[in-house]
Structures are given as structure tokens and as C-alpha cells.
Amino acid sequence: MNDDEQKELLRWIRENLKKTKTFNTWDSSYGLKHLFEMSANSFYVTNGTFKGAMLEAGFKVKDPYRINWHFNISKKSVRALYEQLNKKR
């Protein structure tokens, strides 16, 4: 991934995913990466790349030993992304 792609991924995370005190166990890194890939100006990212970007953006991980991570993200912010995508279809 080049520098511009790294910046775009981090920008998308910071603008769209809101931090909470509790962990969201409904939405995993794998599902979130697909949300990113379906958004405007997006591109393919691996699950590992997405997880690293979430850490870089300051999110916490519930169980780093699992393949798909859960973060301290607002369910409401994730639902808003799904709603945006559904409006575009």
C-alpha cells in the first residue's frame, strides 16, 4: 500500500468510525474492511492492513488473538455507513 492509500484509509476510519468506551462485538475488522472497500475512493485492503490502520487511528482491540478483531467503535457510526451505501444502490 502506498502513502496516499494509507492516508486515505486512515482518513476514512477517523471520519466515519466513532470511538466508544465499550467494545462492539457485532462488527468485526473483516466486515469493516468490506465497508471501506464499498465506499467512495476506496481500494482493496487486507484484514491485517485494516486492523493495523485501526490501531494507528487509536482504536482498542478486544481480543488480539482472534483472526477478526472487535474494536471500541460505535454501532451507530457503523449503521450510518450501511445506510449511506444502501442509498447509493
C-alpha atoms as a PDB file:
ATOM      1  CA  MET A   1       0.000   0.000   0.000  1.00  0.00           C
ATOM      2  CA  ASN A   2       1.420   3.378  -0.941  1.00  0.00           C
ATOM      3  CA  ASP A   3       1.436   6.506   1.257  1.00  0.00           C
ATOM      4  CA  ASP A   4      -1.643   8.034  -0.384  1.00  0.00           C
ATOM      5  CA  GLU A   5      -3.634   4.850   0.186  1.00  0.00           C
ATOM      6  CA  GLN A   6      -2.529   4.702   3.828  1.00  0.00           C
ATOM      7  CA  LYS A   7      -3.623   8.307   4.322  1.00  0.00           C
ATOM      8  CA  GLU A   8      -6.986   7.658   2.631  1.00  0.00           C
ATOM      9  CA  LEU A   9      -7.680   4.586   4.765  1.00  0.00           C
ATOM     10  CA  LEU A  10      -6.822   6.453   7.973  1.00  0.00           C
ATOM     11  CA  ARG A  11      -8.902   9.447   6.883  1.00  0.00           C
ATOM     12  CA  TRP A  12     -11.900   7.196   6.212  1.00  0.00           C
ATOM     13  CA  ILE A  13     -11.573   5.490   9.605  1.00  0.00           C
ATOM     14  CA  ARG A  14     -11.220   8.770  11.506  1.00  0.00           C
ATOM     15  CA  GLU A  15     -14.125  10.420   9.685  1.00  0.00           C
ATOM     16  CA  ASN A  16     -16.556   7.504   9.810  1.00  0.00           C
ATOM     17  CA  LEU A  17     -15.900   5.349  12.874  1.00  0.00           C
ATOM     18  CA  LYS A  18     -16.547   6.871  16.282  1.00  0.00           C
ATOM     19  CA  LYS A  19     -14.805   5.612  19.410  1.00  0.00           C
ATOM     20  CA  THR A  20     -16.753   4.399  22.439  1.00  0.00           C
ATOM     21  CA  LYS A  21     -15.771   3.131  25.871  1.00  0.00           C
ATOM     22  CA  THR A  22     -17.184  -0.335  25.187  1.00  0.00           C
ATOM     23  CA  PHE A  23     -16.386  -2.894  22.510  1.00  0.00           C
ATOM     24  CA  ASN A  24     -18.702  -3.507  19.575  1.00  0.00           C
ATOM     25  CA  THR A  25     -18.834  -7.283  19.170  1.00  0.00           C
ATOM     26  CA  TRP A  26     -21.293  -7.133  16.246  1.00  0.00           C
ATOM     27  CA  ASP A  27     -18.933  -5.593  13.696  1.00  0.00           C
ATOM     28  CA  SER A  28     -15.513  -7.149  13.102  1.00  0.00           C
ATOM     29  CA  SER A  29     -12.416  -5.971  11.272  1.00  0.00           C
ATOM     30  CA  TYR A  30     -13.373  -8.200   8.340  1.00  0.00           C
ATOM     31  CA  GLY A  31     -16.803  -6.619   7.919  1.00  0.00           C
ATOM     32  CA  LEU A  32     -15.446  -3.108   8.439  1.00  0.00           C
ATOM     33  CA  LYS A  33     -12.782  -3.576   5.775  1.00  0.00           C
ATOM     34  CA  HIS A  34     -15.529  -4.535   3.332  1.00  0.00           C
ATOM     35  CA  LEU A  35     -17.469  -1.400   4.278  1.00  0.00           C
ATOM     36  CA  PHE A  36     -14.379   0.618   3.446  1.00  0.00           C
ATOM     37  CA  GLU A  37     -13.934  -1.205   0.131  1.00  0.00           C
ATOM     38  CA  MET A  38     -17.527  -0.356  -0.861  1.00  0.00           C
ATOM     39  CA  SER A  39     -17.131   3.344  -0.075  1.00  0.00           C
ATOM     40  CA  ALA A  40     -16.127   6.129  -2.452  1.00  0.00           C
ATOM     41  CA  ASN A  41     -12.404   6.464  -3.273  1.00  0.00           C
ATOM     42  CA  SER A  42     -11.755   3.021  -1.837  1.00  0.00           C
ATOM     43  CA  PHE A  43      -9.498   0.149  -2.815  1.00  0.00           C
ATOM     44  CA  TYR A  44      -8.756  -3.393  -1.697  1.00  0.00           C
ATOM     45  CA  VAL A  45      -7.164  -3.826   1.737  1.00  0.00           C
ATOM     46  CA  THR A  46      -6.338  -6.986   3.639  1.00  0.00           C
ATOM     47  CA  ASN A  47      -7.851  -7.682   7.025  1.00  0.00           C
ATOM     48  CA  GLY A  48      -4.376  -7.279   8.552  1.00  0.00           C
ATOM     49  CA  THR A  49      -3.860  -3.898   6.912  1.00  0.00           C
ATOM     50  CA  PHE A  50      -7.252  -2.717   8.135  1.00  0.00           C
ATOM     51  CA  LYS A  51      -6.507  -3.900  11.683  1.00  0.00           C
ATOM     52  CA  GLY A  52      -3.190  -2.028  11.656  1.00  0.00           C
ATOM     53  CA  ALA A  53      -4.890   1.143  10.455  1.00  0.00           C
ATOM     54  CA  MET A  54      -7.470   0.879  13.250  1.00  0.00           C
ATOM     55  CA  LEU A  55      -4.648   0.651  15.797  1.00  0.00           C
ATOM     56  CA  GLU A  56      -2.920   3.618  14.140  1.00  0.00           C
ATOM     57  CA  ALA A  57      -6.183   5.575  14.450  1.00  0.00           C
ATOM     58  CA  GLY A  58      -6.217   4.890  18.202  1.00  0.00           C
ATOM     59  CA  PHE A  59      -8.878   2.195  18.492  1.00  0.00           C
ATOM     60  CA  LYS A  60      -8.567  -0.589  21.070  1.00  0.00           C
ATOM     61  CA  VAL A  61      -8.887  -4.323  20.363  1.00  0.00           C
ATOM     62  CA  LYS A  62     -10.980  -6.654  22.496  1.00  0.00           C
ATOM     63  CA  ASP A  63      -9.072  -9.885  21.758  1.00  0.00           C
ATOM     64  CA  PRO A  64      -5.966  -9.580  19.551  1.00  0.00           C
ATOM     65  CA  TYR A  65      -5.614 -13.382  19.403  1.00  0.00           C
ATOM     66  CA  ARG A  66      -8.714 -13.739  17.219  1.00  0.00           C
ATOM     67  CA  ILE A  67      -8.469 -13.520  13.430  1.00  0.00           C
ATOM     68  CA  ASN A  68     -11.222 -10.907  13.131  1.00  0.00           C
ATOM     69  CA  TRP A  69     -10.890  -8.150  15.699  1.00  0.00           C
ATOM     70  CA  HIS A  70     -13.585  -6.208  17.521  1.00  0.00           C
ATOM     71  CA  PHE A  71     -12.929  -2.583  18.375  1.00  0.00           C
ATOM     72  CA  ASN A  72     -14.316   0.111  20.636  1.00  0.00           C
ATOM     73  CA  ILE A  73     -16.483   1.585  17.878  1.00  0.00           C
ATOM     74  CA  SER A  74     -19.972   2.992  17.936  1.00  0.00           C
ATOM     75  CA  LYS A  75     -22.618   0.703  16.441  1.00  0.00           C
ATOM     76  CA  LYS A  76     -24.412   3.863  15.343  1.00  0.00           C
ATOM     77  CA  SER A  77     -21.447   5.003  13.234  1.00  0.00           C
ATOM     78  CA  VAL A  78     -21.281   1.607  11.510  1.00  0.00           C
ATOM     79  CA  ARG A  79     -25.041   1.614  10.836  1.00  0.00           C
ATOM     80  CA  ALA A  80     -24.735   5.089   9.304  1.00  0.00           C
ATOM     81  CA  LEU A  81     -22.183   3.708   6.825  1.00  0.00           C
ATOM     82  CA  TYR A  82     -24.506   0.857   5.849  1.00  0.00           C
ATOM     83  CA  GLU A  83     -27.336   3.352   5.348  1.00  0.00           C
ATOM     84  CA  GLN A  84     -25.147   5.525   3.102  1.00  0.00           C
ATOM     85  CA  LEU A  85     -24.251   2.514   0.970  1.00  0.00           C
ATOM     86  CA  ASN A  86     -27.877   1.406   0.681  1.00  0.00           C
ATOM     87  CA  LYS A  87     -28.926   4.878  -0.512  1.00  0.00           C
ATOM     88  CA  LYS A  88     -26.389   4.712  -3.345  1.00  0.00           C
ATOM     89  CA  ARG A  89     -27.759   1.410  -4.675  1.00  0.00           C
END
